[in-house]
Amino acid sequence: MTRDLSNDRLGAKGEARFKELCEDAGLIANKAGRDMMGWDYLVESPLQEDDGLPLDKRTQGPVFRVQIKTIWAREGGRISLSLSACELLAKTTDPALICTFVVNDDLEFLSASVIHIIDDKLARVLKRLRTASVEIDGKGLNEREITFSTEDASEAFKLTGVGLRRRLSEICGSDPREYREKKQKQLSELGYEERGRHELKTTLRVSNQEEIIDFFLGKKPIELLDVHSIDNRFGVSIPTSDITIPEGGRATLQLFPQNHTACRIRIRPAETKGSPAVFKGFVDAVPPEISLDQHTIAFRSELFRIEINEKGRIGFSTIAGAIDSTKMDLESWSHAFRLLRYVGQGSIVVEVKGVSSGAPHHEFRINTPNNQELEDYAAYMENIAAMASWLTDASGVHDLLLTKDAIETAADRIEMAYSQMSDAECEKLSFAYTRSDMSPLPTQQTMILAGRLDIGETHLCFARKLNFTLAVEGSQVVWCETASEAIRLQEFDGTDAKFSAIGSFIMSEVGADGIMEIQPEKAADA
């Protein structure tokens, strides 16, 4: 008689047993009003009363969407769902489960297990939906099935409330939010290869071969005449409207070459001696089938590009806007300004070598326009960058990234700080005044000369100890600097209060008679 039990009655038996287990486990099993949501039960954990937290701090536990399947032992563990129901079950970010009960011909429960729709099981559902999108047999999702088996579940759980609760806890983990984020990511990304997520088919508008070469080198965009975008997932391609050209609109496409082949670029002056300007670069090449008889290879860094074609033509150009917008460390800026200095001299020698063992080596000469103004500016800025590098190294500041504008803005202050803190000869100070009070004066004075330097977002303070000797000629008093010593260079937070505190500490430390602060010159009012 049991063999003739209908599927509905068999399913009702399993649902009743599941609700009983939830009651035993202290879980709340809410029955779906109509079995059209993809799940039979929405299972919740009650808020804990004894966790020691105030009521407003208690958090809601995980929520499970559970489809109940009850099968005969003789059916070999095969479980089928309509694809429409499985889509709704799988696409919720809550844990989605198929709880499977196996019964024998005497209607005795033999085992229970849970198929968790995540990872490879979720991928199986999404792939089945993807293929259904392109099938043209006229069937709806409710007429299609997806099959699992009890082998898709992990180990069976004991047919007790404790067993069920333990299994659900293992599935969700300790952080429901982290689970939902993981599943949302899988819903968005499963089935996409690392590359080739989207495919773009288009027709390009070009007027000559040079435009094509410039496009493949990433120098210039190219106009698109039409665009067809394709979404590739699970090996199934479907046209999309993600990328379209509106009626009367215009679209362009620009390539940004991958940094695959690294090289080292050294540039030195052709007519004079000088240390090379050294840069890390990359090699770009236009495919031979594109460039035909104008096969072009390009060497590029962040700041410039060098192109060579098979006809022997060599071109050198800076990358538009890069020198003004790029952030680099001070050593890199020293090399950049050195490069500009050499370019301004009218002729450079370029040496390019790959970084791998046995890589090819190229060396060639490039003529550039003579530009004395550029050469003078670059020489000055190279010197400023070297001074700033010395100051930051001495103060323990590392990995400082700056724009060219930040270095230019601080240039005068950098020169002043360097002159005070390095061993360079400084002009000795003296000052005189007419004496009105004939009381005795000390013959020696020790003063602290203090200043501050702002480079980008970094703030340095510096101090020099000055010794003065008194000379008196009648009513005329003259203090002359007789010795000096750089005593402090450090980073600070840039506030006036901290600067004053450092000055007071230095005075106390060396027993100075006073402090003189170097004030920055204020710009004249417009």
Protein backbone atom coordinates (compact mmCIF):
# COMPACT_ATOMS: atom_id res chain seq x y z
CA MET A 1 0.00 0.00 0.00
CA THR A 2 2.80 2.38 0.77
CA ARG A 3 4.11 2.06 -2.78
CA ASP A 4 0.94 3.81 -3.95
CA LEU A 5 1.34 6.79 -1.58
CA SER A 6 1.04 9.97 -3.66
CA ASN A 7 3.86 12.44 -3.96
CA ASP A 8 1.78 15.07 -2.18
CA ARG A 9 1.18 12.81 0.83
CA LEU A 10 4.83 11.76 0.89
CA GLY A 11 5.87 15.42 0.75
CA ALA A 12 3.45 16.32 3.56
CA LYS A 13 5.00 13.59 5.72
CA GLY A 14 8.48 15.08 5.23
CA GLU A 15 7.31 18.63 5.89
CA ALA A 16 5.62 17.57 9.12
CA ARG A 17 8.80 15.83 10.29
CA PHE A 18 10.92 18.90 9.42
CA LYS A 19 8.61 21.20 11.41
CA GLU A 20 8.82 18.78 14.36
CA LEU A 21 12.64 18.86 14.21
CA CYS A 22 12.58 22.67 14.14
CA GLU A 23 10.37 22.72 17.24
CA ASP A 24 12.81 20.38 18.99
CA ALA A 25 15.73 22.60 17.93
CA GLY A 26 14.14 25.84 19.17
CA LEU A 27 13.87 27.19 15.61
CA ILE A 28 10.93 29.04 14.11
CA ALA A 29 9.70 27.34 10.91
CA ASN A 30 7.34 29.63 8.95
CA LYS A 31 5.41 27.72 6.29
CA ALA A 32 5.14 29.43 2.92
CA GLY A 33 1.50 30.24 2.20
CA ARG A 34 1.80 29.01 -1.38
CA ASP A 35 4.60 26.82 -2.70
CA MET A 36 5.50 29.34 -5.40
CA MET A 37 8.42 31.06 -3.67
CA GLY A 38 10.92 28.25 -4.23
CA TRP A 39 10.95 27.21 -0.60
CA ASP A 40 8.57 25.45 1.79
CA TYR A 41 9.82 26.99 5.03
CA LEU A 42 11.53 30.15 6.12
CA VAL A 43 13.48 29.15 9.24
CA GLU A 44 14.61 31.72 11.82
CA SER A 45 16.45 31.62 15.12
CA PRO A 46 14.74 33.42 18.02
CA LEU A 47 16.56 36.33 19.61
CA GLN A 48 18.68 35.18 22.56
CA GLU A 49 17.42 36.30 25.96
CA ASP A 50 20.47 35.42 28.05
CA ASP A 51 23.38 36.86 26.07
CA GLY A 52 23.93 39.71 28.54
CA LEU A 53 23.34 42.43 25.95
CA PRO A 54 20.78 45.24 26.30
CA LEU A 55 17.72 44.70 24.17
CA ASP A 56 18.72 47.30 21.57
CA LYS A 57 22.06 45.50 20.96
CA ARG A 58 20.70 42.03 20.20
CA THR A 59 21.11 40.89 16.61
CA GLN A 60 18.93 38.73 14.42
CA GLY A 61 20.37 35.32 13.65
CA PRO A 62 20.50 33.78 10.18
CA VAL A 63 17.40 33.12 8.12
CA PHE A 64 17.24 29.93 6.04
CA ARG A 65 15.12 29.28 2.93
CA VAL A 66 14.37 25.55 2.92
CA GLN A 67 12.79 23.35 0.28
CA ILE A 68 11.71 19.95 1.67
CA LYS A 69 12.10 16.84 -0.48
CA THR A 70 11.05 13.39 0.70
CA ILE A 71 12.11 10.46 -1.49
CA TRP A 72 11.90 6.68 -1.42
CA ALA A 73 15.08 4.80 -0.60
CA ARG A 74 14.58 2.81 -3.80
CA GLU A 75 14.85 5.97 -5.93
CA GLY A 76 18.64 6.09 -5.67
CA GLY A 77 18.84 9.52 -4.05
CA ARG A 78 17.62 11.49 -7.10
CA ILE A 79 16.00 14.85 -6.28
CA SER A 80 14.24 16.98 -8.92
CA LEU A 81 12.98 20.57 -8.73
CA SER A 82 11.37 22.78 -11.32
CA LEU A 83 13.85 25.31 -12.63
CA SER A 84 11.47 28.16 -11.76
CA ALA A 85 11.34 27.11 -8.10
CA CYS A 86 15.08 26.49 -7.94
CA GLU A 87 15.81 29.95 -9.38
CA LEU A 88 13.82 31.63 -6.61
CA LEU A 89 15.43 29.43 -3.98
CA ALA A 90 19.00 29.96 -5.22
CA LYS A 91 18.91 33.71 -5.88
CA THR A 92 18.17 34.79 -2.34
CA THR A 93 21.28 35.87 -0.43
CA ASP A 94 20.06 33.91 2.60
CA PRO A 95 21.28 30.31 2.91
CA ALA A 96 19.22 28.25 0.43
CA LEU A 97 18.80 24.58 1.34
CA ILE A 98 17.16 21.42 0.06
CA CYS A 99 16.43 19.28 3.11
CA THR A 100 16.08 15.70 1.94
CA PHE A 101 14.42 12.88 3.88
CA VAL A 102 14.79 9.28 2.74
CA VAL A 103 12.07 6.80 3.74
CA ASN A 104 11.67 3.07 3.19
CA ASP A 105 8.60 1.23 1.94
CA ASP A 106 7.31 1.07 5.52
CA LEU A 107 7.37 4.88 5.67
CA GLU A 108 10.20 4.86 8.19
CA PHE A 109 12.68 7.75 8.03
CA LEU A 110 16.09 6.32 7.23
CA SER A 111 18.22 9.48 6.89
CA ALA A 112 18.18 13.24 6.51
CA SER A 113 20.67 15.53 4.75
CA VAL A 114 20.94 19.08 3.48
CA ILE A 115 21.98 20.19 0.00
CA HIS A 116 23.40 23.68 0.37
CA ILE A 117 22.96 25.82 -2.79
CA ILE A 118 26.33 27.56 -2.76
CA ASP A 119 29.66 27.26 -4.63
CA ASP A 120 29.46 24.50 -7.26
CA LYS A 121 25.77 23.82 -6.57
CA LEU A 122 24.91 27.47 -7.09
CA ALA A 123 27.02 27.50 -10.26
CA ARG A 124 25.04 24.48 -11.51
CA VAL A 125 21.76 26.35 -11.04
CA LEU A 126 23.04 29.54 -12.69
CA LYS A 127 24.47 27.60 -15.63
CA ARG A 128 21.17 25.75 -16.12
CA LEU A 129 19.34 29.10 -16.14
CA ARG A 130 21.86 30.48 -18.60
CA THR A 131 21.38 27.64 -21.07
CA ALA A 132 17.60 27.88 -20.68
CA SER A 133 17.89 31.51 -21.83
CA VAL A 134 19.00 30.42 -25.31
CA GLU A 135 16.92 27.24 -25.71
CA ILE A 136 14.15 27.64 -28.26
CA ASP A 137 11.95 24.63 -27.49
CA GLY A 138 9.14 26.81 -26.16
CA LYS A 139 9.22 25.44 -22.62
CA GLY A 140 8.90 27.73 -19.61
CA LEU A 141 11.07 27.44 -16.52
CA ASN A 142 8.28 25.64 -14.67
CA GLU A 143 8.43 22.93 -17.36
CA ARG A 144 12.16 22.41 -16.99
CA GLU A 145 13.81 20.49 -14.19
CA ILE A 146 17.15 20.53 -12.43
CA THR A 147 18.36 17.42 -10.66
CA PHE A 148 20.47 16.92 -7.56
CA SER A 149 21.24 13.82 -5.57
CA THR A 150 21.88 13.01 -1.94
CA GLU A 151 25.56 12.82 -2.91
CA ASP A 152 25.46 16.62 -3.37
CA ALA A 153 24.84 16.95 0.36
CA SER A 154 27.49 16.74 3.00
CA GLU A 155 27.23 14.05 5.64
CA ALA A 156 23.74 13.25 6.91
CA PHE A 157 22.58 14.75 10.19
CA LYS A 158 20.90 12.89 13.03
CA LEU A 159 17.13 12.93 12.88
CA THR A 160 16.93 15.10 16.00
CA GLY A 161 16.44 18.78 16.67
CA VAL A 162 20.00 19.03 17.98
CA GLY A 163 21.32 17.40 14.79
CA LEU A 164 19.39 19.79 12.57
CA ARG A 165 20.48 22.88 14.51
CA ARG A 166 24.13 21.82 14.45
CA ARG A 167 23.99 21.27 10.69
CA LEU A 168 22.41 24.68 10.02
CA SER A 169 25.02 26.36 12.21
CA GLU A 170 27.81 24.71 10.20
CA ILE A 171 26.31 26.02 6.97
CA CYS A 172 25.97 29.69 7.87
CA GLY A 173 28.94 30.16 10.17
CA SER A 174 29.09 32.83 12.85
CA ASP A 175 28.48 35.92 10.69
CA PRO A 176 25.26 36.03 8.61
CA ARG A 177 26.32 39.32 6.98
CA GLU A 178 29.61 37.83 5.79
CA TYR A 179 27.66 34.87 4.36
CA ARG A 180 25.30 37.14 2.43
CA GLU A 181 28.22 39.16 1.00
CA LYS A 182 29.93 35.95 -0.14
CA LYS A 183 26.79 34.65 -1.81
CA GLN A 184 26.01 37.97 -3.48
CA LYS A 185 29.52 37.94 -4.95
CA GLN A 186 29.01 34.40 -6.25
CA LEU A 187 25.65 35.33 -7.78
CA SER A 188 27.42 38.13 -9.67
CA GLU A 189 30.69 36.41 -10.61
CA LEU A 190 30.27 32.64 -10.94
CA GLY A 191 30.63 31.46 -14.52
CA TYR A 192 32.76 34.37 -15.69
CA GLU A 193 36.33 33.65 -16.67
CA GLU A 194 39.03 35.97 -15.41
CA ARG A 195 39.21 37.47 -18.89
CA GLY A 196 36.54 37.60 -21.56
CA ARG A 197 33.65 38.55 -19.28
CA HIS A 198 32.31 40.86 -21.97
CA GLU A 199 32.98 40.83 -25.67
CA LEU A 200 32.75 43.92 -27.84
CA LYS A 201 32.23 43.74 -31.58
CA THR A 202 32.59 46.99 -33.45
CA THR A 203 33.64 48.64 -36.69
CA LEU A 204 36.40 51.24 -36.47
CA ARG A 205 36.59 54.46 -38.48
CA VAL A 206 40.18 55.14 -39.64
CA SER A 207 41.52 57.33 -42.42
CA ASN A 208 45.09 56.00 -42.62
CA GLN A 209 47.45 53.37 -41.27
CA GLU A 210 49.11 55.75 -38.81
CA GLU A 211 45.81 56.12 -36.95
CA ILE A 212 45.65 52.34 -36.49
CA ILE A 213 49.25 52.24 -35.23
CA ASP A 214 48.60 55.10 -32.79
CA PHE A 215 45.49 53.26 -31.56
CA PHE A 216 47.33 49.99 -30.85
CA LEU A 217 50.10 51.88 -29.07
CA GLY A 218 47.51 53.52 -26.80
CA LYS A 219 48.35 57.03 -28.02
CA LYS A 220 45.00 58.09 -29.44
CA PRO A 221 41.38 56.91 -29.32
CA ILE A 222 39.63 55.73 -32.43
CA GLU A 223 36.04 56.34 -33.50
CA LEU A 224 33.49 53.50 -33.45
CA LEU A 225 30.88 53.21 -36.17
CA ASP A 226 28.71 50.59 -34.45
CA VAL A 227 28.90 48.54 -31.27
CA HIS A 228 27.57 45.12 -30.29
CA SER A 229 28.25 43.98 -26.74
CA ILE A 230 28.09 40.33 -25.72
CA ASP A 231 27.96 38.84 -22.23
CA ASN A 232 29.90 35.55 -21.89
CA ARG A 233 28.98 33.35 -18.92
CA PHE A 234 29.36 29.61 -18.46
CA GLY A 235 30.51 29.47 -22.07
CA VAL A 236 27.15 30.81 -23.31
CA SER A 237 27.19 34.15 -25.15
CA ILE A 238 24.16 36.45 -25.06
CA PRO A 239 23.90 39.87 -26.75
CA THR A 240 23.35 42.75 -24.32
CA SER A 241 22.57 46.43 -24.52
CA ASP A 242 25.22 47.36 -21.92
CA ILE A 243 27.21 49.29 -24.53
CA THR A 244 25.36 51.05 -27.35
CA ILE A 245 25.77 54.18 -29.44
CA PRO A 246 22.64 56.33 -29.14
CA GLU A 247 21.03 57.74 -32.24
CA GLY A 248 23.13 60.66 -33.45
CA GLY A 249 25.80 59.96 -30.86
CA ARG A 250 29.54 59.43 -31.25
CA ALA A 251 31.74 56.95 -29.41
CA THR A 252 35.47 56.37 -29.25
CA LEU A 253 37.61 53.54 -27.95
CA GLN A 254 41.11 53.82 -26.50
CA LEU A 255 43.51 51.01 -25.69
CA PHE A 256 45.77 51.05 -22.65
CA PRO A 257 48.60 48.60 -23.36
CA GLN A 258 49.32 46.02 -20.67
CA ASN A 259 52.58 46.30 -18.75
CA HIS A 260 53.79 42.89 -19.90
CA THR A 261 57.35 43.39 -21.13
CA ALA A 262 59.44 45.43 -18.70
CA CYS A 263 62.63 47.26 -19.62
CA ARG A 264 65.14 49.70 -18.18
CA ILE A 265 65.61 53.01 -20.03
CA ARG A 266 68.78 55.08 -19.54
CA ILE A 267 69.13 58.52 -21.14
CA ARG A 268 72.32 60.58 -21.19
CA PRO A 269 73.48 63.66 -23.11
CA ALA A 270 75.01 63.00 -26.53
CA GLU A 271 77.52 65.87 -26.60
CA THR A 272 78.56 66.22 -22.95
CA LYS A 273 79.17 63.99 -19.97
CA GLY A 274 76.54 63.36 -17.34
CA SER A 275 75.02 60.69 -15.14
CA PRO A 276 72.17 58.89 -16.94
CA ALA A 277 68.53 59.55 -16.17
CA VAL A 278 67.13 56.10 -15.43
CA PHE A 279 63.53 54.94 -15.72
CA LYS A 280 61.54 51.75 -15.44
CA GLY A 281 59.63 51.27 -18.67
CA PHE A 282 57.63 48.88 -20.81
CA VAL A 283 57.75 47.76 -24.41
CA ASP A 284 54.74 48.00 -26.72
CA ALA A 285 54.60 46.64 -30.27
CA VAL A 286 51.97 46.89 -32.97
CA PRO A 287 51.05 43.44 -34.35
CA PRO A 288 52.82 42.87 -37.71
CA GLU A 289 49.53 42.07 -39.43
CA ILE A 290 48.29 45.53 -38.43
CA SER A 291 51.38 47.63 -39.15
CA LEU A 292 52.41 45.82 -42.36
CA ASP A 293 55.53 47.62 -43.66
CA GLN A 294 55.47 50.11 -40.78
CA HIS A 295 56.14 47.70 -37.91
CA THR A 296 56.52 49.94 -34.86
CA ILE A 297 57.93 49.32 -31.42
CA ALA A 298 57.54 51.75 -28.53
CA PHE A 299 59.34 52.13 -25.22
CA ARG A 300 57.38 54.06 -22.61
CA SER A 301 57.64 55.19 -19.02
CA GLU A 302 55.21 57.19 -16.92
CA LEU A 303 56.50 60.41 -18.47
CA PHE A 304 57.61 59.80 -22.05
CA ARG A 305 57.41 57.55 -25.09
CA ILE A 306 60.05 56.58 -27.67
CA GLU A 307 58.93 55.02 -30.98
CA ILE A 308 61.00 53.28 -33.63
CA ASN A 309 59.68 51.91 -36.92
CA GLU A 310 61.29 49.67 -39.52
CA LYS A 311 62.17 52.67 -41.69
CA GLY A 312 64.52 53.87 -38.98
CA ARG A 313 62.41 56.81 -37.90
CA ILE A 314 62.75 57.54 -34.17
CA GLY A 315 60.35 59.74 -32.24
CA PHE A 316 60.56 61.05 -28.68
CA SER A 317 57.63 62.69 -26.92
CA THR A 318 56.50 63.39 -23.39
CA ILE A 319 53.10 62.00 -22.42
CA ALA A 320 50.59 64.85 -22.34
CA GLY A 321 50.00 66.17 -18.83
CA ALA A 322 52.08 63.45 -17.14
CA ILE A 323 54.84 65.74 -15.89
CA ASP A 324 52.25 67.91 -14.11
CA SER A 325 49.93 65.20 -12.75
CA THR A 326 52.25 62.34 -11.84
CA LYS A 327 53.22 61.70 -8.21
CA MET A 328 56.71 60.25 -7.70
CA ASP A 329 59.37 59.99 -5.03
CA LEU A 330 62.17 62.56 -4.98
CA GLU A 331 64.75 60.26 -6.54
CA SER A 332 62.44 59.66 -9.50
CA TRP A 333 61.90 63.42 -9.83
CA SER A 334 65.67 63.95 -9.87
CA HIS A 335 65.88 61.60 -12.87
CA ALA A 336 62.88 63.29 -14.53
CA PHE A 337 64.42 66.77 -14.25
CA ARG A 338 67.77 65.38 -15.45
CA LEU A 339 65.99 64.00 -18.52
CA LEU A 340 64.47 67.42 -19.26
CA ARG A 341 67.89 69.04 -18.84
CA TYR A 342 69.42 66.68 -21.39
CA VAL A 343 66.50 67.14 -23.80
CA GLY A 344 66.99 70.91 -23.62
CA GLN A 345 70.63 70.47 -24.73
CA GLY A 346 69.49 69.28 -28.17
CA SER A 347 70.66 65.67 -28.40
CA ILE A 348 70.30 62.56 -26.22
CA VAL A 349 71.50 58.98 -26.31
CA VAL A 350 68.91 56.38 -25.30
CA GLU A 351 69.81 52.92 -24.05
CA VAL A 352 67.04 50.34 -23.62
CA LYS A 353 67.54 46.90 -22.14
CA GLY A 354 65.06 44.27 -21.02
CA VAL A 355 65.13 43.26 -17.37
CA SER A 356 65.25 39.51 -18.03
CA SER A 357 68.46 37.60 -18.61
CA GLY A 358 69.57 37.69 -22.24
CA ALA A 359 67.03 40.38 -23.15
CA PRO A 360 67.83 42.48 -26.26
CA HIS A 361 69.75 45.72 -25.90
CA HIS A 362 69.13 48.84 -28.01
CA GLU A 363 71.05 52.12 -28.14
CA PHE A 364 70.30 55.06 -30.42
CA ARG A 365 70.61 58.81 -30.65
CA ILE A 366 67.71 61.27 -30.81
CA ASN A 367 67.96 64.94 -31.72
CA THR A 368 65.68 67.30 -29.79
CA PRO A 369 65.08 71.08 -30.11
CA ASN A 370 67.62 73.20 -28.25
CA ASN A 371 65.90 74.94 -25.37
CA GLN A 372 68.11 76.91 -22.98
CA GLU A 373 65.17 77.93 -20.83
CA LEU A 374 64.15 74.29 -20.34
CA GLU A 375 67.74 73.27 -19.60
CA ASP A 376 68.17 76.00 -16.96
CA TYR A 377 64.81 75.25 -15.33
CA ALA A 378 65.46 71.52 -15.24
CA ALA A 379 68.96 71.96 -13.79
CA TYR A 380 67.55 74.15 -11.02
CA MET A 381 64.72 71.71 -10.22
CA GLU A 382 67.07 68.71 -10.29
CA ASN A 383 69.19 70.47 -7.65
CA ILE A 384 66.08 71.29 -5.59
CA ALA A 385 64.94 67.64 -5.72
CA ALA A 386 68.40 66.51 -4.55
CA MET A 387 68.29 68.97 -1.62
CA ALA A 388 64.77 67.86 -0.65
CA SER A 389 65.86 64.22 -0.83
CA TRP A 390 68.79 64.95 1.52
CA LEU A 391 66.49 66.76 3.99
CA THR A 392 63.83 64.05 4.06
CA ASP A 393 66.39 61.25 4.40
CA ALA A 394 68.09 63.07 7.27
CA SER A 395 64.75 63.53 9.04
CA GLY A 396 63.73 59.87 8.58
CA VAL A 397 60.90 60.55 6.11
CA HIS A 398 60.57 57.82 3.48
CA ASP A 399 58.22 56.89 0.61
CA LEU A 400 57.22 60.53 0.07
CA LEU A 401 55.24 60.93 -3.18
CA LEU A 402 55.03 64.43 -4.62
CA THR A 403 53.77 66.28 -7.67
CA LYS A 404 56.01 68.65 -9.60
CA ASP A 405 53.90 71.56 -8.35
CA ALA A 406 54.53 70.59 -4.71
CA ILE A 407 58.30 70.67 -5.27
CA GLU A 408 58.15 73.99 -7.14
CA THR A 409 56.02 75.58 -4.40
CA ALA A 410 58.50 74.56 -1.70
CA ALA A 411 61.66 75.27 -3.73
CA ASP A 412 62.77 78.47 -1.94
CA ARG A 413 62.16 76.95 1.49
CA ILE A 414 64.00 73.78 0.50
CA GLU A 415 67.06 75.85 -0.49
CA MET A 416 66.92 77.80 2.77
CA ALA A 417 66.52 74.67 4.95
CA TYR A 418 69.31 72.88 3.12
CA SER A 419 71.70 75.81 3.53
CA GLN A 420 71.06 75.79 7.29
CA MET A 421 71.26 72.05 7.88
CA SER A 422 74.00 70.90 5.50
CA ASP A 423 77.71 71.58 5.78
CA ALA A 424 77.48 74.25 3.11
CA GLU A 425 79.04 77.60 4.03
CA CYS A 426 76.44 80.01 5.39
CA GLU A 427 76.81 83.74 5.59
CA LYS A 428 77.59 84.65 9.22
CA LEU A 429 75.08 86.80 11.05
CA SER A 430 75.80 90.02 12.91
CA PHE A 431 73.68 92.80 14.22
CA ALA A 432 74.41 96.15 15.88
CA TYR A 433 72.55 98.72 17.93
CA THR A 434 73.22 101.91 19.87
CA ARG A 435 73.47 101.32 23.56
CA SER A 436 71.33 103.52 25.84
CA ASP A 437 71.74 101.50 29.03
CA MET A 438 75.36 101.37 30.25
CA SER A 439 74.83 98.36 32.53
CA PRO A 440 77.26 95.43 31.99
CA LEU A 441 76.56 93.08 29.05
CA PRO A 442 77.44 89.38 28.68
CA THR A 443 80.37 88.71 26.41
CA GLN A 444 78.79 85.58 24.83
CA GLN A 445 75.25 84.68 23.67
CA THR A 446 73.84 81.41 22.38
CA MET A 447 70.77 81.58 20.12
CA ILE A 448 68.65 79.01 18.32
CA LEU A 449 67.76 79.72 14.68
CA ALA A 450 64.60 77.69 13.90
CA GLY A 451 62.53 77.25 10.77
CA ARG A 452 59.92 75.03 9.17
CA LEU A 453 59.60 73.41 5.79
CA ASP A 454 56.37 72.11 4.20
CA ILE A 455 56.76 69.73 1.24
CA GLY A 456 53.41 68.52 0.03
CA GLU A 457 51.67 67.02 3.07
CA THR A 458 54.94 66.56 5.00
CA HIS A 459 56.13 69.06 7.60
CA LEU A 460 59.74 69.37 8.82
CA CYS A 461 61.22 71.63 11.47
CA PHE A 462 64.92 72.41 11.72
CA ALA A 463 67.18 74.28 14.13
CA ARG A 464 70.76 75.58 14.21
CA LYS A 465 72.71 76.72 17.28
CA LEU A 466 74.50 80.05 16.82
CA ASN A 467 77.19 81.45 19.11
CA PHE A 468 77.63 85.25 19.23
CA THR A 469 80.50 87.33 20.69
CA LEU A 470 80.06 90.88 21.97
CA ALA A 471 82.09 93.84 20.68
CA VAL A 472 81.55 97.29 22.26
CA GLU A 473 82.83 100.56 20.82
CA GLY A 474 81.56 103.37 23.01
CA SER A 475 77.79 103.34 22.75
CA GLN A 476 77.83 101.05 19.71
CA VAL A 477 77.14 97.34 20.45
CA VAL A 478 77.85 94.66 17.82
CA TRP A 479 77.05 90.96 18.14
CA CYS A 480 78.99 88.79 15.68
CA GLU A 481 78.39 85.11 14.93
CA THR A 482 81.52 83.18 15.77
CA ALA A 483 80.36 79.55 15.50
CA SER A 484 77.27 77.57 14.43
CA GLU A 485 76.07 73.99 14.42
CA ALA A 486 73.04 72.20 12.93
CA ILE A 487 71.34 70.45 15.85
CA ARG A 488 67.80 69.38 14.87
CA LEU A 489 65.90 68.19 11.77
CA GLN A 490 62.67 66.27 12.31
CA GLU A 491 59.15 65.68 11.06
CA PHE A 492 56.26 67.16 13.02
CA ASP A 493 52.51 67.62 12.64
CA GLY A 494 52.72 71.10 11.10
CA THR A 495 50.89 72.95 13.90
CA ASP A 496 52.19 76.19 15.45
CA ALA A 497 51.80 74.73 18.94
CA LYS A 498 54.02 71.74 18.18
CA PHE A 499 56.62 73.94 16.46
CA SER A 500 56.79 76.23 19.52
CA ALA A 501 57.03 73.24 21.87
CA ILE A 502 59.97 71.82 19.90
CA GLY A 503 61.72 75.21 20.00
CA SER A 504 61.27 75.51 23.77
CA PHE A 505 62.63 72.00 24.31
CA ILE A 506 65.73 72.71 22.19
CA MET A 507 66.41 75.95 24.10
CA SER A 508 66.24 74.11 27.40
CA GLU A 509 68.32 71.22 26.07
CA VAL A 510 71.27 73.37 24.88
CA GLY A 511 70.91 76.17 27.43
CA ALA A 512 70.30 78.85 24.78
CA ASP A 513 69.58 82.47 25.62
CA GLY A 514 66.87 82.89 23.02
CA ILE A 515 65.31 81.68 19.79
CA MET A 516 65.05 83.33 16.38
CA GLU A 517 62.40 82.01 13.98
CA ILE A 518 62.84 82.17 10.22
CA GLN A 519 59.57 83.52 8.89
CA PRO A 520 58.47 82.69 5.32
CA GLU A 521 58.18 85.68 3.04
CA LYS A 522 54.54 86.54 2.46
CA ALA A 523 53.32 87.12 -1.06
CA ALA A 524 52.55 90.74 -1.91
CA ASP A 525 48.88 91.65 -2.10
CA ALA A 526 47.48 91.75 -5.58
